[in-house]
Amino acid sequence: MNEMPIGRIISMIHRQNQKFLSKELKPFEIGNGGQHAFLKTIIAKPGVNQDELSSLLKFDKATTARAVKHLESVGYIERQTDNNDRRSNNLYPTAKAHTIFPNIQEVLERLNEEITSNLTGEEEYQLLQLLKKIYPTLNGE
């Protein structure tokens, strides 16, 4: 088979995806490492703690800690000590996060449109279903 390996094409798509996001999200001080995904989840689930965030997004705890630290430093989230577990912090979006988030969501939607621009609606659906089928295999599920 002379086709490019699936892993390689996925890796190339991922790199292009990251370059696009890095450029488009720079004005919002959102960088690499999926920081937009962390912010989106904190906005959707105010009060989530870091362990839950790691689990929901399938990131390791160190990556989550770095993202949370950055989002806090630029004023998008606040940490509050959990009343039931003093060792745990709950994460809440700030007014600043709510203000800029529609712009971030627009960037994410533009990226998705660009990625799928050469696909029909049916092809996009099929691709999504196939990727969902592959993921559990790689994740050990």
Protein backbone atom coordinates (compact mmCIF):
# COMPACT_ATOMS: atom_id res chain seq x y z
CA MET A 1 0.00 0.00 0.00
CA ASN A 2 1.46 3.35 -1.07
CA GLU A 3 -0.93 5.45 0.96
CA MET A 4 0.37 7.67 3.76
CA PRO A 5 -0.02 5.95 7.17
CA ILE A 6 -3.13 7.02 9.09
CA GLY A 7 -1.11 8.06 12.13
CA ARG A 8 1.04 10.35 10.02
CA ILE A 9 -1.88 12.13 8.36
CA ILE A 10 -3.61 12.56 11.73
CA SER A 11 -0.37 14.02 13.12
CA MET A 12 -0.09 16.43 10.19
CA ILE A 13 -3.70 17.54 10.62
CA HIS A 14 -3.08 18.03 14.34
CA ARG A 15 -0.03 20.23 13.70
CA GLN A 16 -1.95 22.41 11.23
CA ASN A 17 -4.81 22.61 13.72
CA GLN A 18 -2.41 23.79 16.45
CA LYS A 19 -0.79 26.39 14.17
CA PHE A 20 -4.20 27.82 13.29
CA LEU A 21 -5.34 27.94 16.93
CA SER A 22 -2.05 29.41 18.14
CA LYS A 23 -2.29 32.26 15.63
CA GLU A 24 -6.02 32.94 15.97
CA LEU A 25 -6.19 32.70 19.78
CA LYS A 26 -3.04 34.74 20.46
CA PRO A 27 -4.97 38.03 20.88
CA PHE A 28 -6.94 36.37 23.70
CA GLU A 29 -3.77 35.11 25.44
CA ILE A 30 -4.91 31.54 24.89
CA GLY A 31 -2.04 29.40 23.76
CA ASN A 32 -1.29 25.80 23.05
CA GLY A 33 -2.00 22.81 25.21
CA GLY A 34 -5.73 22.89 24.71
CA GLN A 35 -6.23 25.95 26.92
CA HIS A 36 -9.37 26.81 24.96
CA ALA A 37 -10.80 23.37 25.85
CA PHE A 38 -10.07 23.94 29.54
CA LEU A 39 -11.75 27.35 29.47
CA LYS A 40 -14.74 26.02 27.53
CA THR A 41 -15.23 23.24 30.09
CA ILE A 42 -14.88 25.58 33.08
CA ILE A 43 -17.49 27.90 31.56
CA ALA A 44 -19.81 24.94 30.91
CA LYS A 45 -19.22 23.42 34.38
CA PRO A 46 -18.51 26.23 36.86
CA GLY A 47 -17.06 24.80 40.07
CA VAL A 48 -15.32 21.86 38.40
CA ASN A 49 -12.08 20.85 40.13
CA GLN A 50 -8.76 20.09 38.44
CA ASP A 51 -9.06 16.31 38.78
CA GLU A 52 -12.49 16.34 37.15
CA LEU A 53 -11.16 18.64 34.44
CA SER A 54 -8.29 16.25 33.68
CA SER A 55 -10.69 13.34 33.51
CA LEU A 56 -13.25 15.11 31.33
CA LEU A 57 -10.69 16.36 28.81
CA LYS A 58 -8.37 13.32 28.91
CA PHE A 59 -5.30 15.40 29.81
CA ASP A 60 -2.72 14.45 32.42
CA LYS A 61 -2.71 16.34 35.72
CA ALA A 62 0.48 18.28 34.93
CA THR A 63 -0.96 19.64 31.66
CA THR A 64 -4.18 20.57 33.47
CA ALA A 65 -2.23 22.35 36.22
CA ARG A 66 -0.26 24.39 33.65
CA ALA A 67 -3.40 25.35 31.73
CA VAL A 68 -5.27 26.33 34.91
CA LYS A 69 -2.31 28.38 36.12
CA HIS A 70 -2.16 30.23 32.79
CA LEU A 71 -5.91 30.84 32.59
CA GLU A 72 -5.83 32.20 36.13
CA SER A 73 -2.82 34.43 35.40
CA VAL A 74 -4.58 36.09 32.45
CA GLY A 75 -7.76 36.60 34.46
CA TYR A 76 -10.10 34.05 32.86
CA ILE A 77 -10.67 31.84 35.88
CA GLU A 78 -10.65 31.97 39.68
CA ARG A 79 -9.87 29.20 42.12
CA GLN A 80 -11.96 28.78 45.24
CA THR A 81 -11.22 26.28 47.97
CA ASP A 82 -13.77 23.47 48.04
CA ASN A 83 -15.82 23.65 51.25
CA ASN A 84 -15.98 19.83 51.46
CA ASP A 85 -12.29 19.18 50.70
CA ARG A 86 -9.88 21.93 51.73
CA ARG A 87 -7.15 20.36 49.54
CA SER A 88 -9.21 20.82 46.39
CA ASN A 89 -9.91 23.97 44.40
CA ASN A 90 -13.04 24.59 42.39
CA LEU A 91 -12.60 26.58 39.20
CA TYR A 92 -14.92 29.36 38.09
CA PRO A 93 -14.93 31.54 34.97
CA THR A 94 -14.57 35.28 35.44
CA ALA A 95 -16.61 38.01 33.74
CA LYS A 96 -13.60 38.50 31.43
CA ALA A 97 -13.89 34.86 30.33
CA HIS A 98 -17.58 35.21 29.58
CA THR A 99 -16.87 38.38 27.59
CA ILE A 100 -14.20 36.89 25.30
CA PHE A 101 -15.57 33.37 25.02
CA PRO A 102 -17.92 34.05 22.07
CA ASN A 103 -14.84 35.18 20.10
CA ILE A 104 -12.99 31.99 21.01
CA GLN A 105 -16.01 29.89 20.05
CA GLU A 106 -16.12 31.68 16.68
CA VAL A 107 -12.45 30.77 16.06
CA LEU A 108 -13.18 27.13 16.90
CA GLU A 109 -16.18 27.08 14.57
CA ARG A 110 -14.12 28.63 11.74
CA LEU A 111 -11.46 25.97 12.25
CA ASN A 112 -14.05 23.21 12.07
CA GLU A 113 -15.50 24.72 8.90
CA GLU A 114 -12.04 24.92 7.35
CA ILE A 115 -11.21 21.33 8.28
CA THR A 116 -14.41 20.01 6.73
CA SER A 117 -14.68 22.41 3.78
CA ASN A 118 -13.88 19.70 1.21
CA LEU A 119 -16.34 17.20 2.69
CA THR A 120 -20.02 16.70 2.07
CA GLY A 121 -22.28 16.56 5.10
CA GLU A 122 -22.39 12.78 4.78
CA GLU A 123 -18.59 12.51 4.52
CA GLU A 124 -18.17 14.72 7.59
CA TYR A 125 -20.57 12.48 9.53
CA GLN A 126 -18.75 9.33 8.36
CA LEU A 127 -15.35 10.77 9.29
CA LEU A 128 -16.58 11.67 12.75
CA GLN A 129 -18.01 8.19 13.28
CA LEU A 130 -14.76 6.53 12.13
CA LEU A 131 -12.62 8.74 14.39
CA LYS A 132 -14.92 7.94 17.33
CA LYS A 133 -14.40 4.26 16.54
CA ILE A 134 -10.60 4.60 16.46
CA TYR A 135 -10.23 6.66 19.67
CA PRO A 136 -11.23 3.99 22.21
CA THR A 137 -8.67 1.60 20.70
CA LEU A 138 -5.87 4.10 21.25
CA ASN A 139 -7.17 5.05 24.68
CA GLY A 140 -7.13 1.44 25.89
CA GLU A 141 -10.90 1.30 26.29
